[in-house]
Amino acid sequence: MLLRTVLRVSAGTRVLPFLLGFVLVALGDELTAWVTPAYGLAAAGHASLALPFACAACAAAGAWEGGRLHRGRVFSGSPVRSAPAITAPVLLPVALMGGLGMVAALTIAALAGGTADGVPQPGVLAVWTGLLLANTLVGSVVGRVLAPVVAVPLALINSFVLNAYPAAFDTYWPRHLVGGGLSDCCAVDQVLDGRAVAASLAFSAAVCAAAVLLLRRRGAPVAVAAALAVTAGGVALGGWTARGLGAEPVRARSSDALVCDHGRPRVCLWPELGGARSAMVREEVRRIAGALAGPGVPVPATFTMAARPAPGEAKLGVPTDAEVSDVTAAVIGGLLPRTPDCALRSDPYPAAAAAGTATAWLTARVAPGGPAAAGGRFTETDSARAAQLLRLPDAAQLAWYRGTAEALADCGTLPPPVPHDAAPTGGAR
């Protein structure tokens, strides 16, 4: 059959406008929200929100095509070509339909992120391809054994449920089999974990092999048993590969990609912060560091955007579209101790109430417009305490800050009260 004939009569060609319309209209807002600006991998990962819908469309169209071949008695008699060889060109437009739907989702997400580097890395593309093919082939098998009025909606609904709902499970490995965690990839300091890609490929390859086996053997009992065994093996292998992964299939990005300068303090930024924005961030970091180091606030020698700063470095959590206020918040957040593990376990953390006051005080000291410019960004209590601190001599302010920083580092130290005079204060064990 000529290619143009296959495309003209294919269900994939007829479903394509509906899939594109659904992606643009129904998913448009979701695809443009929360994309990490200027980071192509984040755009590719976020576009995976559309994957369950594209897979469901492929399964339904594949069921229709499988039923059409069965009703036409194409496989009856003694065909020269095997059933998979006959089925492949008929299902190709269906799989391409799903791929075009994902391209549309990727385009929307990439435009929202303001990056032309929206082409996914090979891992994301491989997961998409494997799952689209698996759903298309399984739909074709369903279409061969059930009437179209049953096969098409059954394939559509089951495909969507199996591809979308594992992301809601408390057990994480099933979501990685169907790419359910890709939409959470990635912050600028993260990359896709290869284990999630391998797990999904193992699962989709097993499903494709099982579907091809059923196409070749036409549902013989031995073929059904072998297909179930192959599928179970794919689930087991994929689950074993994804063991240990959290809800998000990411790992820390290598710090080798950081662009560092030689100023004081040293500032290391990801290449996505380029040009004028990079210069602004570096200049602002040094201005804030200088303003704080003057009265004696300890300032590290390096501020870095790395996911895991080395000892002696401070985390600089600025977004890729950072403004001046973002840099201020990032520098101050990097100076304060990280929340200790005991607090994350919901243990008593008496210093928690002092964190807001410390942040307000640091912000007021470095705000370009002076202390008044920091007003309105904190609670009234924190702002009042910060204002009270600023009326004290620098030595008293610094003594309070050091005691508070010590208390913030663990769950057993009480934060010092905000002093009403110049007397230095310290933490109490």
Protein backbone atom coordinates (compact mmCIF):
# COMPACT_ATOMS: atom_id res chain seq x y z
CA MET A 1 0.00 0.00 0.00
CA LEU A 2 1.30 3.45 -0.91
CA LEU A 3 2.39 5.69 1.95
CA ARG A 4 -0.05 8.42 0.99
CA THR A 5 -2.86 5.88 1.03
CA VAL A 6 -1.85 4.64 4.49
CA LEU A 7 -1.77 8.21 5.80
CA ARG A 8 -5.08 9.09 4.16
CA VAL A 9 -7.06 6.19 5.62
CA SER A 10 -5.29 5.88 8.98
CA ALA A 11 -7.12 6.55 12.23
CA GLY A 12 -3.99 8.34 13.41
CA THR A 13 -4.48 10.99 10.73
CA ARG A 14 -8.05 11.57 11.85
CA VAL A 15 -7.23 11.65 15.56
CA LEU A 16 -4.23 13.96 15.16
CA PRO A 17 -6.21 17.27 15.02
CA PHE A 18 -8.11 16.31 18.17
CA LEU A 19 -4.91 15.40 20.00
CA LEU A 20 -3.19 18.63 18.97
CA GLY A 21 -6.25 20.64 19.96
CA PHE A 22 -6.39 18.92 23.33
CA VAL A 23 -2.71 19.60 23.99
CA LEU A 24 -3.00 23.25 22.99
CA VAL A 25 -6.29 24.06 24.70
CA ALA A 26 -6.73 21.70 27.64
CA LEU A 27 -3.07 21.31 28.61
CA GLY A 28 -1.73 24.68 27.50
CA ASP A 29 -1.86 26.33 30.92
CA GLU A 30 -0.33 23.33 32.67
CA LEU A 31 2.48 23.09 30.12
CA THR A 32 3.42 26.75 30.54
CA ALA A 33 3.42 26.74 34.36
CA TRP A 34 6.46 26.01 36.49
CA VAL A 35 8.93 25.48 33.65
CA THR A 36 12.51 26.29 34.67
CA PRO A 37 13.39 29.24 32.41
CA ALA A 38 16.20 28.82 29.88
CA TYR A 39 16.73 25.12 30.70
CA GLY A 40 15.89 22.84 27.79
CA LEU A 41 15.83 19.64 29.84
CA ALA A 42 13.18 21.15 32.13
CA ALA A 43 11.02 21.98 29.11
CA ALA A 44 11.34 18.42 27.83
CA GLY A 45 10.50 16.93 31.21
CA HIS A 46 7.53 19.23 31.74
CA ALA A 47 6.17 18.36 28.29
CA SER A 48 5.74 14.81 29.58
CA LEU A 49 2.51 15.97 31.21
CA ALA A 50 0.95 15.25 27.83
CA LEU A 51 2.38 11.71 27.60
CA PRO A 52 -0.58 9.80 29.17
CA PHE A 53 -2.98 11.54 26.78
CA ALA A 54 -0.82 10.84 23.73
CA CYS A 55 -0.46 7.19 24.80
CA ALA A 56 -4.23 6.86 25.24
CA ALA A 57 -4.82 8.33 21.76
CA CYS A 58 -2.32 5.86 20.29
CA ALA A 59 -3.96 2.92 22.05
CA ALA A 60 -7.44 3.89 20.82
CA ALA A 61 -6.30 4.52 17.23
CA GLY A 62 -4.24 1.31 17.33
CA ALA A 63 -7.32 -0.63 18.43
CA TRP A 64 -9.27 0.75 15.51
CA GLU A 65 -6.54 -0.17 13.02
CA GLY A 66 -6.15 -3.64 14.50
CA GLY A 67 -9.88 -4.21 14.25
CA ARG A 68 -9.94 -2.89 10.67
CA LEU A 69 -7.29 -5.39 9.61
CA HIS A 70 -9.16 -8.19 11.37
CA ARG A 71 -12.52 -7.28 9.82
CA GLY A 72 -10.90 -7.10 6.40
CA ARG A 73 -9.63 -10.68 6.84
CA VAL A 74 -6.14 -9.52 5.96
CA PHE A 75 -4.60 -12.28 8.04
CA SER A 76 -6.84 -15.04 6.67
CA GLY A 77 -5.61 -17.46 4.11
CA SER A 78 -1.85 -17.64 3.47
CA PRO A 79 -0.41 -14.11 3.40
CA VAL A 80 3.15 -13.82 2.10
CA ARG A 81 4.20 -11.45 4.88
CA SER A 82 3.96 -12.11 8.60
CA ALA A 83 1.30 -10.46 10.72
CA PRO A 84 3.77 -8.00 12.32
CA ALA A 85 5.09 -7.05 8.87
CA ILE A 86 1.55 -6.35 7.68
CA THR A 87 0.62 -4.47 10.84
CA ALA A 88 3.72 -2.26 11.14
CA PRO A 89 3.06 0.16 8.23
CA VAL A 90 -0.58 0.46 9.28
CA LEU A 91 0.36 1.38 12.85
CA LEU A 92 3.21 3.72 11.89
CA PRO A 93 0.92 6.75 11.33
CA VAL A 94 -0.68 6.06 14.70
CA ALA A 95 2.66 6.17 16.50
CA LEU A 96 3.63 9.28 14.51
CA MET A 97 0.39 10.90 15.63
CA GLY A 98 1.40 10.39 19.26
CA GLY A 99 4.86 11.70 18.52
CA LEU A 100 3.49 14.86 16.92
CA GLY A 101 1.30 15.41 19.97
CA MET A 102 4.40 15.26 22.17
CA VAL A 103 6.26 17.63 19.83
CA ALA A 104 3.41 20.11 20.25
CA ALA A 105 3.62 19.78 24.04
CA LEU A 106 7.39 20.24 23.92
CA THR A 107 7.06 23.34 21.76
CA ILE A 108 4.61 24.93 24.20
CA ALA A 109 6.83 24.16 27.21
CA ALA A 110 10.00 25.35 25.45
CA LEU A 111 8.38 28.65 24.44
CA ALA A 112 7.15 29.13 28.01
CA GLY A 113 10.68 28.56 29.28
CA GLY A 114 12.10 31.06 26.82
CA THR A 115 14.58 28.62 25.37
CA ALA A 116 15.24 27.28 21.90
CA ASP A 117 17.05 24.37 23.53
CA GLY A 118 13.85 22.45 24.01
CA VAL A 119 14.96 19.26 22.24
CA PRO A 120 14.90 16.56 24.90
CA GLN A 121 17.99 14.62 25.77
CA PRO A 122 18.01 11.10 24.31
CA GLY A 123 16.70 9.58 27.54
CA VAL A 124 13.45 11.57 27.49
CA LEU A 125 12.94 10.91 23.79
CA ALA A 126 13.57 7.19 24.31
CA VAL A 127 10.96 6.98 27.08
CA TRP A 128 8.39 8.76 24.92
CA THR A 129 9.10 6.53 21.91
CA GLY A 130 8.97 3.29 23.87
CA LEU A 131 5.69 4.08 25.58
CA LEU A 132 3.97 5.38 22.44
CA LEU A 133 4.94 2.22 20.54
CA ALA A 134 3.89 -0.05 23.41
CA ASN A 135 0.46 1.55 23.69
CA THR A 136 -0.04 1.45 19.93
CA LEU A 137 0.82 -2.23 19.69
CA VAL A 138 -1.30 -3.23 22.68
CA GLY A 139 -4.22 -1.29 21.23
CA SER A 140 -3.81 -3.18 17.98
CA VAL A 141 -3.95 -6.50 19.81
CA VAL A 142 -7.11 -5.45 21.65
CA GLY A 143 -8.68 -4.38 18.35
CA ARG A 144 -8.08 -7.80 16.84
CA VAL A 145 -9.96 -9.67 19.56
CA LEU A 146 -12.83 -7.31 20.42
CA ALA A 147 -15.47 -5.47 18.43
CA PRO A 148 -14.57 -1.81 17.69
CA VAL A 149 -17.40 -0.47 19.84
CA VAL A 150 -15.73 -2.18 22.82
CA ALA A 151 -12.05 -2.21 21.81
CA VAL A 152 -11.59 1.51 21.15
CA PRO A 153 -13.02 2.91 24.41
CA LEU A 154 -11.50 0.05 26.39
CA ALA A 155 -8.05 0.75 24.97
CA LEU A 156 -8.47 4.50 25.47
CA ILE A 157 -9.56 4.33 29.11
CA ASN A 158 -7.23 1.56 30.23
CA SER A 159 -4.25 3.16 28.56
CA PHE A 160 -4.88 6.48 30.28
CA VAL A 161 -5.38 4.84 33.68
CA LEU A 162 -2.24 2.71 33.40
CA ASN A 163 -0.09 5.61 32.20
CA ALA A 164 -1.42 8.40 34.42
CA TYR A 165 -2.38 6.91 37.76
CA PRO A 166 0.93 5.33 38.89
CA ALA A 167 2.19 8.87 39.55
CA ALA A 168 -0.28 9.02 42.46
CA PHE A 169 1.00 5.82 44.11
CA ASP A 170 2.90 6.01 47.40
CA THR A 171 5.22 3.34 45.98
CA TYR A 172 7.45 5.15 43.53
CA TRP A 173 8.83 2.54 41.14
CA PRO A 174 5.56 2.00 39.14
CA ARG A 175 5.50 5.66 38.09
CA HIS A 176 8.96 5.37 36.56
CA LEU A 177 7.88 2.44 34.36
CA VAL A 178 5.46 4.77 32.53
CA GLY A 179 7.50 7.98 32.71
CA GLY A 180 5.23 9.36 35.41
CA GLY A 181 8.00 11.31 37.12
CA LEU A 182 9.40 13.03 34.04
CA SER A 183 7.12 16.05 34.43
CA ASP A 184 8.98 16.92 37.67
CA CYS A 185 12.32 17.09 35.86
CA CYS A 186 14.24 19.28 36.29
CA ALA A 187 15.53 22.20 38.33
CA VAL A 188 18.58 23.85 36.83
CA ASP A 189 20.88 21.99 39.25
CA GLN A 190 19.37 18.61 38.34
CA VAL A 191 19.57 16.14 35.44
CA LEU A 192 17.52 13.09 34.60
CA ASP A 193 18.55 9.93 36.43
CA GLY A 194 19.42 7.22 33.92
CA ARG A 195 17.81 4.54 36.10
CA ALA A 196 14.36 5.99 35.39
CA VAL A 197 15.05 5.84 31.66
CA ALA A 198 16.31 2.26 31.84
CA ALA A 199 13.31 1.16 33.92
CA SER A 200 10.82 2.62 31.46
CA LEU A 201 12.65 1.15 28.44
CA ALA A 202 12.73 -2.30 30.05
CA PHE A 203 8.98 -2.14 30.65
CA SER A 204 7.99 -0.76 27.23
CA ALA A 205 10.31 -3.18 25.41
CA ALA A 206 8.72 -6.12 27.22
CA VAL A 207 5.21 -4.90 26.39
CA CYS A 208 6.14 -4.41 22.74
CA ALA A 209 7.67 -7.90 22.58
CA ALA A 210 4.57 -9.42 24.16
CA ALA A 211 2.29 -7.62 21.69
CA VAL A 212 4.37 -8.73 18.71
CA LEU A 213 4.28 -12.29 20.00
CA LEU A 214 0.49 -12.19 20.17
CA LEU A 215 0.30 -10.71 16.67
CA ARG A 216 2.45 -13.50 15.28
CA ARG A 217 0.70 -16.38 17.06
CA ARG A 218 -2.83 -15.00 16.83
CA GLY A 219 -3.70 -15.49 20.50
CA ALA A 220 -2.73 -19.16 20.87
CA PRO A 221 -2.75 -20.25 24.56
CA VAL A 222 1.00 -20.77 24.55
CA ALA A 223 1.51 -17.32 23.02
CA VAL A 224 -0.76 -15.72 25.64
CA ALA A 225 1.16 -17.42 28.45
CA ALA A 226 4.49 -16.39 26.92
CA ALA A 227 3.27 -12.80 26.47
CA LEU A 228 2.19 -12.61 30.11
CA ALA A 229 5.55 -14.00 31.21
CA VAL A 230 7.45 -11.48 29.08
CA THR A 231 5.36 -8.61 30.43
CA ALA A 232 5.84 -9.75 34.01
CA GLY A 233 9.57 -10.00 33.39
CA GLY A 234 9.62 -6.45 32.03
CA VAL A 235 7.75 -5.16 35.08
CA ALA A 236 10.13 -6.99 37.41
CA LEU A 237 13.23 -5.78 35.60
CA GLY A 238 11.95 -2.22 35.41
CA GLY A 239 10.95 -2.21 39.07
CA TRP A 240 14.34 -3.60 40.09
CA THR A 241 16.10 -0.94 38.01
CA ALA A 242 14.01 1.88 39.53
CA ARG A 243 14.52 0.73 43.11
CA GLY A 244 15.86 3.50 45.29
CA LEU A 245 14.48 6.29 43.11
CA GLY A 246 12.32 8.89 44.80
CA ALA A 247 9.24 10.56 43.42
CA GLU A 248 11.38 12.65 41.07
CA PRO A 249 13.71 10.76 38.70
CA VAL A 250 16.57 13.23 39.06
CA ARG A 251 20.12 13.43 40.33
CA ALA A 252 22.46 16.32 41.02
CA ARG A 253 23.91 18.03 37.95
CA SER A 254 27.66 17.81 37.61
CA SER A 255 29.41 20.92 38.88
CA ASP A 256 31.78 20.73 35.91
CA ALA A 257 29.25 22.75 33.92
CA LEU A 258 29.40 25.69 36.35
CA VAL A 259 30.96 28.93 35.14
CA CYS A 260 33.04 30.42 37.96
CA ASP A 261 34.90 33.70 38.15
CA HIS A 262 37.84 34.77 40.32
CA GLY A 263 36.30 37.63 42.26
CA ARG A 264 35.81 37.89 46.01
CA PRO A 265 33.65 36.14 46.87
CA ARG A 266 33.87 33.69 44.00
CA VAL A 267 30.54 33.17 42.21
CA CYS A 268 29.74 29.98 40.27
CA LEU A 269 26.68 30.03 37.99
CA TRP A 270 25.10 27.61 35.54
CA PRO A 271 25.58 28.58 31.89
CA GLU A 272 21.81 29.16 31.56
CA LEU A 273 22.41 32.45 33.39
CA GLY A 274 24.31 34.15 30.61
CA GLY A 275 25.06 37.65 29.45
CA ALA A 276 23.73 40.65 31.35
CA ARG A 277 21.83 38.55 33.92
CA SER A 278 24.99 36.68 34.88
CA ALA A 279 26.86 39.97 35.34
CA MET A 280 24.01 41.36 37.45
CA VAL A 281 23.97 38.31 39.72
CA ARG A 282 27.72 38.39 40.28
CA GLU A 283 27.72 42.11 41.00
CA GLU A 284 24.80 41.85 43.39
CA VAL A 285 26.29 38.89 45.25
CA ARG A 286 29.47 40.85 45.87
CA ARG A 287 27.57 43.96 46.95
CA ILE A 288 25.55 41.96 49.48
CA ALA A 289 28.59 40.04 50.71
CA GLY A 290 30.51 43.28 51.20
CA ALA A 291 27.64 44.92 53.06
CA LEU A 292 27.42 41.99 55.47
CA ALA A 293 31.13 41.31 55.90
CA GLY A 294 31.72 44.91 57.04
CA PRO A 295 30.03 44.55 60.45
CA GLY A 296 31.43 41.04 60.86
CA VAL A 297 28.85 38.63 59.44
CA PRO A 298 30.75 35.51 58.29
CA VAL A 299 30.70 35.32 54.49
CA PRO A 300 32.02 32.24 52.60
CA ALA A 301 34.67 32.51 49.92
CA THR A 302 32.39 30.96 47.26
CA PHE A 303 28.71 31.18 46.37
CA THR A 304 27.66 28.37 44.02
CA MET A 305 24.52 27.18 42.27
CA ALA A 306 25.65 23.56 42.59
CA ALA A 307 23.07 21.22 44.09
CA ARG A 308 25.59 20.13 46.73
CA PRO A 309 28.04 22.87 47.66
CA ALA A 310 31.47 21.77 48.82
CA PRO A 311 32.61 22.52 52.38
CA GLY A 312 33.21 26.23 52.78
CA GLU A 313 30.80 27.13 49.95
CA ALA A 314 27.33 28.62 50.23
CA LYS A 315 24.35 27.57 48.13
CA LEU A 316 23.16 30.30 45.75
CA GLY A 317 19.60 29.31 44.88
CA VAL A 318 18.81 31.93 42.25
CA PRO A 319 16.36 31.17 39.43
CA THR A 320 17.58 31.30 35.86
CA ASP A 321 15.53 34.46 35.29
CA ALA A 322 16.80 36.09 38.48
CA GLU A 323 16.05 39.67 39.46
CA VAL A 324 17.84 41.74 42.09
CA SER A 325 15.39 40.72 44.83
CA ASP A 326 15.94 37.05 43.96
CA VAL A 327 19.69 37.43 44.42
CA THR A 328 19.23 39.07 47.82
CA ALA A 329 17.00 36.24 49.02
CA ALA A 330 19.38 33.60 47.60
CA VAL A 331 22.49 35.03 49.25
CA ILE A 332 20.79 35.36 52.63
CA GLY A 333 19.32 31.88 52.32
CA GLY A 334 22.82 30.55 51.63
CA LEU A 335 24.28 32.24 54.69
CA LEU A 336 21.79 30.81 57.15
CA PRO A 337 22.29 27.17 58.22
CA ARG A 338 20.27 24.56 56.42
CA THR A 339 17.31 23.11 58.29
CA PRO A 340 18.74 20.17 60.27
CA ASP A 341 17.56 16.62 59.68
CA CYS A 342 16.01 16.47 63.13
CA ALA A 343 13.63 19.29 62.21
CA LEU A 344 12.73 17.55 58.95
CA ARG A 345 11.73 14.54 61.05
CA SER A 346 9.29 16.82 62.93
CA ASP A 347 11.40 16.84 66.11
CA PRO A 348 11.08 19.94 68.32
CA TYR A 349 13.02 22.78 66.69
CA PRO A 350 13.03 25.79 69.03
CA ALA A 351 15.01 27.98 66.63
CA ALA A 352 12.36 27.84 63.89
CA ALA A 353 10.69 31.05 65.06
CA ALA A 354 14.00 32.92 64.90
CA ALA A 355 14.69 32.09 61.25
CA GLY A 356 12.27 34.71 59.96
CA THR A 357 13.75 37.38 62.22
CA ALA A 358 17.29 36.54 61.10
CA THR A 359 16.25 36.69 57.45
CA ALA A 360 14.47 40.01 57.95
CA TRP A 361 17.50 41.46 59.76
CA LEU A 362 19.96 40.38 57.08
CA THR A 363 17.67 41.64 54.32
CA ALA A 364 17.23 45.02 56.01
CA ARG A 365 21.00 45.46 56.25
CA VAL A 366 21.60 44.88 52.54
CA ALA A 367 18.40 46.20 50.92
CA PRO A 368 19.40 48.77 48.25
CA GLY A 369 16.89 51.27 49.63
CA GLY A 370 17.88 50.76 53.24
CA PRO A 371 15.89 49.02 56.01
CA ALA A 372 12.61 50.60 54.89
CA ALA A 373 12.89 48.86 51.51
CA ALA A 374 12.64 45.46 53.18
CA GLY A 375 9.31 46.27 54.80
CA GLY A 376 6.24 44.31 53.75
CA ARG A 377 8.21 41.18 52.85
CA PHE A 378 8.06 39.61 56.31
CA THR A 379 5.58 39.15 59.11
CA GLU A 380 4.93 42.09 61.39
CA THR A 381 6.62 40.29 64.26
CA ASP A 382 9.79 39.54 62.30
CA SER A 383 9.92 43.07 60.88
CA ALA A 384 9.49 44.59 64.35
CA ARG A 385 12.24 42.40 65.82
CA ALA A 386 14.57 43.22 62.93
CA ALA A 387 13.92 46.93 63.42
CA GLN A 388 14.64 46.53 67.13
CA LEU A 389 17.96 44.85 66.31
CA LEU A 390 18.96 47.58 63.87
CA ARG A 391 18.75 50.18 66.65
CA LEU A 392 21.50 48.37 68.56
CA PRO A 393 25.26 48.70 68.09
CA ASP A 394 26.79 46.42 65.47
CA ALA A 395 28.50 44.31 68.12
CA ALA A 396 25.20 43.50 69.81
CA GLN A 397 23.53 42.71 66.49
CA LEU A 398 26.39 40.43 65.49
CA ALA A 399 26.33 38.62 68.84
CA TRP A 400 22.61 37.95 68.44
CA TYR A 401 23.09 36.71 64.88
CA ARG A 402 25.87 34.31 65.83
CA GLY A 403 23.79 32.85 68.66
CA THR A 404 20.80 32.49 66.33
CA ALA A 405 22.87 30.85 63.59
CA GLU A 406 24.17 28.34 66.13
CA ALA A 407 20.64 27.54 67.26
CA LEU A 408 19.39 27.14 63.68
CA ALA A 409 22.01 24.44 63.04
CA ASP A 410 20.49 21.89 65.44
CA CYS A 411 17.40 21.07 67.47
CA GLY A 412 18.96 21.35 70.92
CA THR A 413 19.99 25.00 71.12
CA LEU A 414 17.63 27.74 72.20
CA PRO A 415 17.82 30.91 70.10
CA PRO A 416 18.79 34.07 71.99
CA PRO A 417 16.09 36.68 72.57
CA VAL A 418 16.27 39.95 70.69
CA PRO A 419 18.13 42.26 73.12
CA HIS A 420 16.78 45.60 74.25
CA ASP A 421 20.23 46.99 74.98
CA ALA A 422 23.76 46.61 73.72
CA ALA A 423 24.58 43.64 75.95
CA PRO A 424 25.76 40.66 73.89
CA THR A 425 23.62 37.55 74.06
CA GLY A 426 24.31 33.90 73.33
CA GLY A 427 22.49 30.61 72.88
CA ALA A 428 21.61 28.39 75.82
CA ARG A 429 21.97 24.67 75.82
